Amino acid sequence: MVGSLSTDSEALYGSLLGPYLDDPSNLFVISSDFCHWGRRFSYTFHDTTQGQPTAFSQYLSKYGNTICGRHPIGVLLNMLQHTATLFNVKFVKYDQSSRCERMNDSSVSYAAATVLPAV
């Protein structure tokens, strides 16, 4: 369980937990709403990051995207920086609570990804 953390704490926990990703007997489950989009959430920007912890935290700070699990995601991104194994992150499913067709619409999006050793 990960609560509210600073980016420094995300980096610290990522460095501590990263080596556990190298052990194939360990399993980590990171769960989060991916994005709350719409005026009622005060977020209508559309952009992506490159999977780097610093880029992710800068994106959140700059645009105010309300990703509920941003801290566990930040820890995971930092963990990936502290492994001996090279991992691939693959998004396998994306869905939305509703389609946004007008600026007054809103939606919560969900994304599922796998993090597996590169082959």
Protein backbone atom coordinates (compact mmCIF):
# COMPACT_ATOMS: atom_id res chain seq x y z
CA MET A 1 0.00 0.00 0.00
CA VAL A 2 1.32 3.40 -0.98
CA GLY A 3 -0.18 6.60 0.33
CA SER A 4 0.61 10.22 -0.44
CA LEU A 5 4.35 10.65 -1.05
CA SER A 6 6.72 13.35 -2.19
CA THR A 7 8.70 12.72 -5.38
CA ASP A 8 11.80 12.28 -3.19
CA SER A 9 10.03 9.54 -1.21
CA GLU A 10 8.85 7.88 -4.45
CA ALA A 11 12.50 7.83 -5.57
CA LEU A 12 13.67 6.45 -2.20
CA TYR A 13 11.10 3.64 -2.11
CA GLY A 14 11.76 2.92 -5.78
CA SER A 15 15.48 2.49 -5.07
CA LEU A 16 14.73 0.20 -2.10
CA LEU A 17 12.15 -1.93 -3.92
CA GLY A 18 13.73 -1.95 -7.40
CA PRO A 19 16.03 -4.92 -6.77
CA TYR A 20 12.99 -7.03 -5.82
CA LEU A 21 11.79 -6.74 -9.43
CA ASP A 22 14.86 -8.76 -10.42
CA ASP A 23 13.54 -11.77 -8.48
CA PRO A 24 10.94 -13.58 -10.64
CA SER A 25 9.27 -15.03 -7.54
CA ASN A 26 8.02 -11.53 -6.60
CA LEU A 27 4.84 -9.99 -7.95
CA PHE A 28 3.90 -6.33 -7.70
CA VAL A 29 0.37 -5.09 -8.43
CA ILE A 30 0.00 -1.35 -9.00
CA SER A 31 -3.62 -0.24 -9.21
CA SER A 32 -4.92 3.20 -10.11
CA ASP A 33 -7.52 5.12 -12.03
CA PHE A 34 -5.43 6.41 -14.90
CA CYS A 35 -6.93 9.82 -15.53
CA HIS A 36 -9.93 11.96 -14.58
CA TRP A 37 -10.66 14.12 -17.62
CA GLY A 38 -13.16 16.95 -17.91
CA ARG A 39 -13.99 20.36 -16.54
CA ARG A 40 -15.53 18.90 -13.37
CA PHE A 41 -12.08 17.43 -12.59
CA SER A 42 -10.31 20.66 -13.67
CA TYR A 43 -8.28 18.71 -16.21
CA THR A 44 -8.73 18.95 -19.98
CA PHE A 45 -5.15 18.72 -21.23
CA HIS A 46 -4.00 15.85 -23.44
CA ASP A 47 -0.33 14.79 -23.30
CA THR A 48 1.88 11.79 -22.58
CA THR A 49 5.18 11.16 -20.79
CA GLN A 50 8.04 8.88 -21.71
CA GLY A 51 7.95 6.57 -18.68
CA GLN A 52 10.61 8.46 -16.77
CA PRO A 53 9.87 9.27 -13.11
CA THR A 54 10.95 12.91 -13.41
CA ALA A 55 8.92 13.47 -16.60
CA PHE A 56 5.86 11.90 -14.93
CA SER A 57 6.07 14.10 -11.81
CA GLN A 58 6.70 17.23 -13.92
CA TYR A 59 3.67 16.38 -16.07
CA LEU A 60 1.46 15.97 -12.98
CA SER A 61 2.75 19.19 -11.47
CA LYS A 62 2.37 21.21 -14.67
CA TYR A 63 -1.08 20.02 -15.75
CA GLY A 64 -2.76 18.88 -12.52
CA ASN A 65 -3.97 15.53 -13.84
CA THR A 66 -5.76 13.77 -10.97
CA ILE A 67 -4.39 10.25 -11.30
CA CYS A 68 -5.45 8.58 -8.03
CA GLY A 69 -2.53 6.15 -7.99
CA ARG A 70 0.11 8.64 -9.08
CA HIS A 71 2.32 7.82 -6.10
CA PRO A 72 2.38 4.02 -6.62
CA ILE A 73 3.01 4.67 -10.33
CA GLY A 74 5.85 7.02 -9.37
CA VAL A 75 7.35 4.36 -7.09
CA LEU A 76 7.12 1.78 -9.89
CA LEU A 77 8.78 4.11 -12.41
CA ASN A 78 11.58 4.66 -9.90
CA MET A 79 11.85 0.92 -9.22
CA LEU A 80 12.49 0.37 -12.93
CA GLN A 81 15.51 2.68 -12.63
CA HIS A 82 17.05 0.41 -9.96
CA THR A 83 17.04 -3.07 -11.45
CA ALA A 84 19.72 -5.24 -13.00
CA THR A 85 17.08 -6.59 -15.40
CA LEU A 86 15.84 -4.62 -18.40
CA PHE A 87 12.03 -4.53 -18.37
CA ASN A 88 9.46 -3.77 -21.05
CA VAL A 89 6.27 -1.92 -20.11
CA LYS A 90 3.40 -2.82 -22.40
CA PHE A 91 -0.08 -1.32 -22.19
CA VAL A 92 -2.53 -4.15 -22.81
CA LYS A 93 -5.93 -2.54 -22.16
CA TYR A 94 -7.44 0.93 -22.06
CA ASP A 95 -11.03 1.86 -21.29
CA GLN A 96 -13.10 4.86 -20.25
CA SER A 97 -16.14 5.32 -18.08
CA SER A 98 -17.64 7.36 -20.94
CA ARG A 99 -16.60 8.88 -24.25
CA CYS A 100 -15.92 12.61 -24.22
CA GLU A 101 -17.41 14.26 -27.28
CA ARG A 102 -17.94 17.79 -25.93
CA MET A 103 -15.88 19.97 -23.59
CA ASN A 104 -18.60 19.65 -20.92
CA ASP A 105 -18.26 15.83 -20.88
CA SER A 106 -16.10 14.05 -18.34
CA SER A 107 -14.60 10.61 -18.04
CA VAL A 108 -12.41 8.42 -15.87
CA SER A 109 -9.98 6.33 -17.86
CA TYR A 110 -8.35 3.06 -16.90
CA ALA A 111 -5.22 1.48 -18.35
CA ALA A 112 -3.69 -1.93 -17.72
CA ALA A 113 -0.01 -2.55 -18.35
CA THR A 114 2.39 -5.41 -17.83
CA VAL A 115 6.00 -5.04 -16.76
CA LEU A 116 7.98 -8.05 -17.89
CA PRO A 117 11.66 -8.81 -18.41
CA ALA A 118 12.82 -7.88 -21.90
CA VAL A 119 13.67 -10.85 -24.06
